[in-house]
Amino acid sequence: MSLFGYPGRVTHYHHAKDDWGRPLPPTTRVLDAKVVEEQKIIKNARGEEVQVNGEIHLEGAHPISFDDYFMYLNAIGAEVRYDVEHYEIRKFIGTDDVKKVIVYAQ
């Protein structure tokens, strides 16, 4: 659990896949999140360096795919769309319980 809470709210558009592997229409969920708006370079799952524009920290386990995107209303009132570039699943030490999911987005 976060010490300072998750003050932001994001809308998560999750694309599930059908039996043929095609994306279905997105389902939406409004989630509490900590959004860090900063540009940095990270390594993705293939080892390539990619530039991301933000991090979205979600408490607990959440299904994420690379077809998903997030909508966020920032402090100046602009609505920002974040597409998933990479994500990490953080677990509690010594267990399989998911602590949080960090989404690196562009």
Protein backbone atom coordinates (compact mmCIF):
# COMPACT_ATOMS: atom_id res chain seq x y z
CA MET A 1 0.00 0.00 0.00
CA SER A 2 1.28 3.45 -0.86
CA LEU A 3 2.25 5.73 2.00
CA PHE A 4 0.85 8.85 0.31
CA GLY A 5 -2.10 7.28 -1.51
CA TYR A 6 -2.99 7.39 -5.15
CA PRO A 7 -4.50 10.84 -5.71
CA GLY A 8 -5.08 10.63 -9.46
CA ARG A 9 -7.83 8.89 -11.37
CA VAL A 10 -7.34 7.26 -14.76
CA THR A 11 -9.77 5.57 -17.11
CA HIS A 12 -8.36 2.23 -18.27
CA TYR A 13 -9.52 1.00 -21.69
CA HIS A 14 -8.73 -2.73 -21.72
CA HIS A 15 -8.85 -4.73 -24.95
CA ALA A 16 -9.49 -8.43 -24.40
CA LYS A 17 -9.05 -10.89 -27.27
CA ASP A 18 -11.52 -13.36 -28.74
CA ASP A 19 -10.86 -17.03 -29.51
CA TRP A 20 -9.17 -16.07 -32.79
CA GLY A 21 -6.80 -13.58 -31.16
CA ARG A 22 -8.60 -10.49 -32.45
CA PRO A 23 -9.14 -7.55 -30.07
CA LEU A 24 -12.67 -7.06 -28.76
CA PRO A 25 -14.18 -3.61 -28.10
CA PRO A 26 -12.59 -2.06 -25.01
CA THR A 27 -14.04 -2.30 -21.54
CA THR A 28 -13.52 0.73 -19.33
CA ARG A 29 -12.71 1.03 -15.65
CA VAL A 30 -11.97 4.11 -13.59
CA LEU A 31 -9.03 3.44 -11.28
CA ASP A 32 -7.14 5.29 -8.56
CA ALA A 33 -3.57 5.81 -9.73
CA LYS A 34 -0.42 7.77 -9.17
CA VAL A 35 0.57 9.39 -12.46
CA VAL A 36 4.11 10.69 -12.92
CA GLU A 37 4.32 12.93 -15.97
CA GLU A 38 7.97 12.99 -17.02
CA GLN A 39 9.97 11.96 -20.03
CA LYS A 40 12.62 9.30 -19.66
CA ILE A 41 14.23 6.46 -21.56
CA ILE A 42 13.62 2.88 -20.42
CA LYS A 43 14.34 -0.59 -21.80
CA ASN A 44 11.28 -2.52 -22.92
CA ALA A 45 10.76 -6.30 -22.80
CA ARG A 46 12.76 -6.79 -26.02
CA GLY A 47 15.75 -4.84 -24.62
CA GLU A 48 15.18 -1.81 -26.86
CA GLU A 49 15.48 1.68 -25.48
CA VAL A 50 12.19 3.58 -25.77
CA GLN A 51 11.20 7.06 -24.66
CA VAL A 52 8.14 7.26 -22.42
CA ASN A 53 6.15 10.30 -21.34
CA GLY A 54 4.71 9.02 -18.09
CA GLU A 55 4.36 6.32 -15.48
CA ILE A 56 1.04 5.08 -14.12
CA HIS A 57 1.23 3.29 -10.76
CA LEU A 58 -1.77 1.04 -10.05
CA GLU A 59 -2.16 -0.63 -6.67
CA GLY A 60 -2.90 -4.37 -6.82
CA ALA A 61 -3.21 -6.75 -9.75
CA HIS A 62 -4.68 -5.45 -13.02
CA PRO A 63 -4.82 -7.07 -16.47
CA ILE A 64 -2.73 -5.04 -18.91
CA SER A 65 -2.05 -5.61 -22.60
CA PHE A 66 -0.17 -3.60 -25.19
CA ASP A 67 -3.46 -2.76 -26.96
CA ASP A 68 -4.70 -0.93 -23.83
CA TYR A 69 -4.64 2.79 -23.23
CA PHE A 70 -5.33 5.16 -20.34
CA MET A 71 -7.04 8.56 -20.27
CA TYR A 72 -5.93 11.03 -17.59
CA LEU A 73 -7.08 14.55 -16.72
CA ASN A 74 -3.95 16.35 -15.55
CA ALA A 75 -3.54 19.32 -13.20
CA ILE A 76 -4.02 21.96 -15.91
CA GLY A 77 -7.22 20.37 -17.15
CA ALA A 78 -5.87 18.75 -20.32
CA GLU A 79 -6.97 15.21 -21.09
CA VAL A 80 -3.95 13.05 -21.89
CA ARG A 81 -4.02 9.65 -23.61
CA TYR A 82 -1.32 7.20 -22.58
CA ASP A 83 -0.59 4.15 -24.76
CA VAL A 84 1.16 1.23 -23.07
CA GLU A 85 4.84 0.86 -24.05
CA HIS A 86 6.00 -1.40 -21.21
CA TYR A 87 4.76 -2.55 -17.82
CA GLU A 88 6.20 -4.08 -14.66
CA ILE A 89 4.50 -6.19 -12.02
CA ARG A 90 5.91 -5.63 -8.53
CA LYS A 91 5.33 -8.30 -5.88
CA PHE A 92 5.76 -8.39 -2.12
CA ILE A 93 9.11 -9.93 -1.15
CA GLY A 94 8.94 -13.70 -0.83
CA THR A 95 5.34 -14.06 -2.03
CA ASP A 96 3.35 -14.19 -5.25
CA ASP A 97 1.00 -11.42 -4.07
CA VAL A 98 1.03 -8.46 -6.46
CA LYS A 99 1.89 -5.19 -4.78
CA LYS A 100 1.41 -2.88 -7.76
CA VAL A 101 1.60 -2.60 -11.52
CA ILE A 102 3.67 0.15 -13.12
CA VAL A 103 2.71 1.10 -16.67
CA TYR A 104 5.22 3.03 -18.76
CA ALA A 105 3.27 4.94 -21.37
CA GLN A 106 3.74 7.20 -24.34
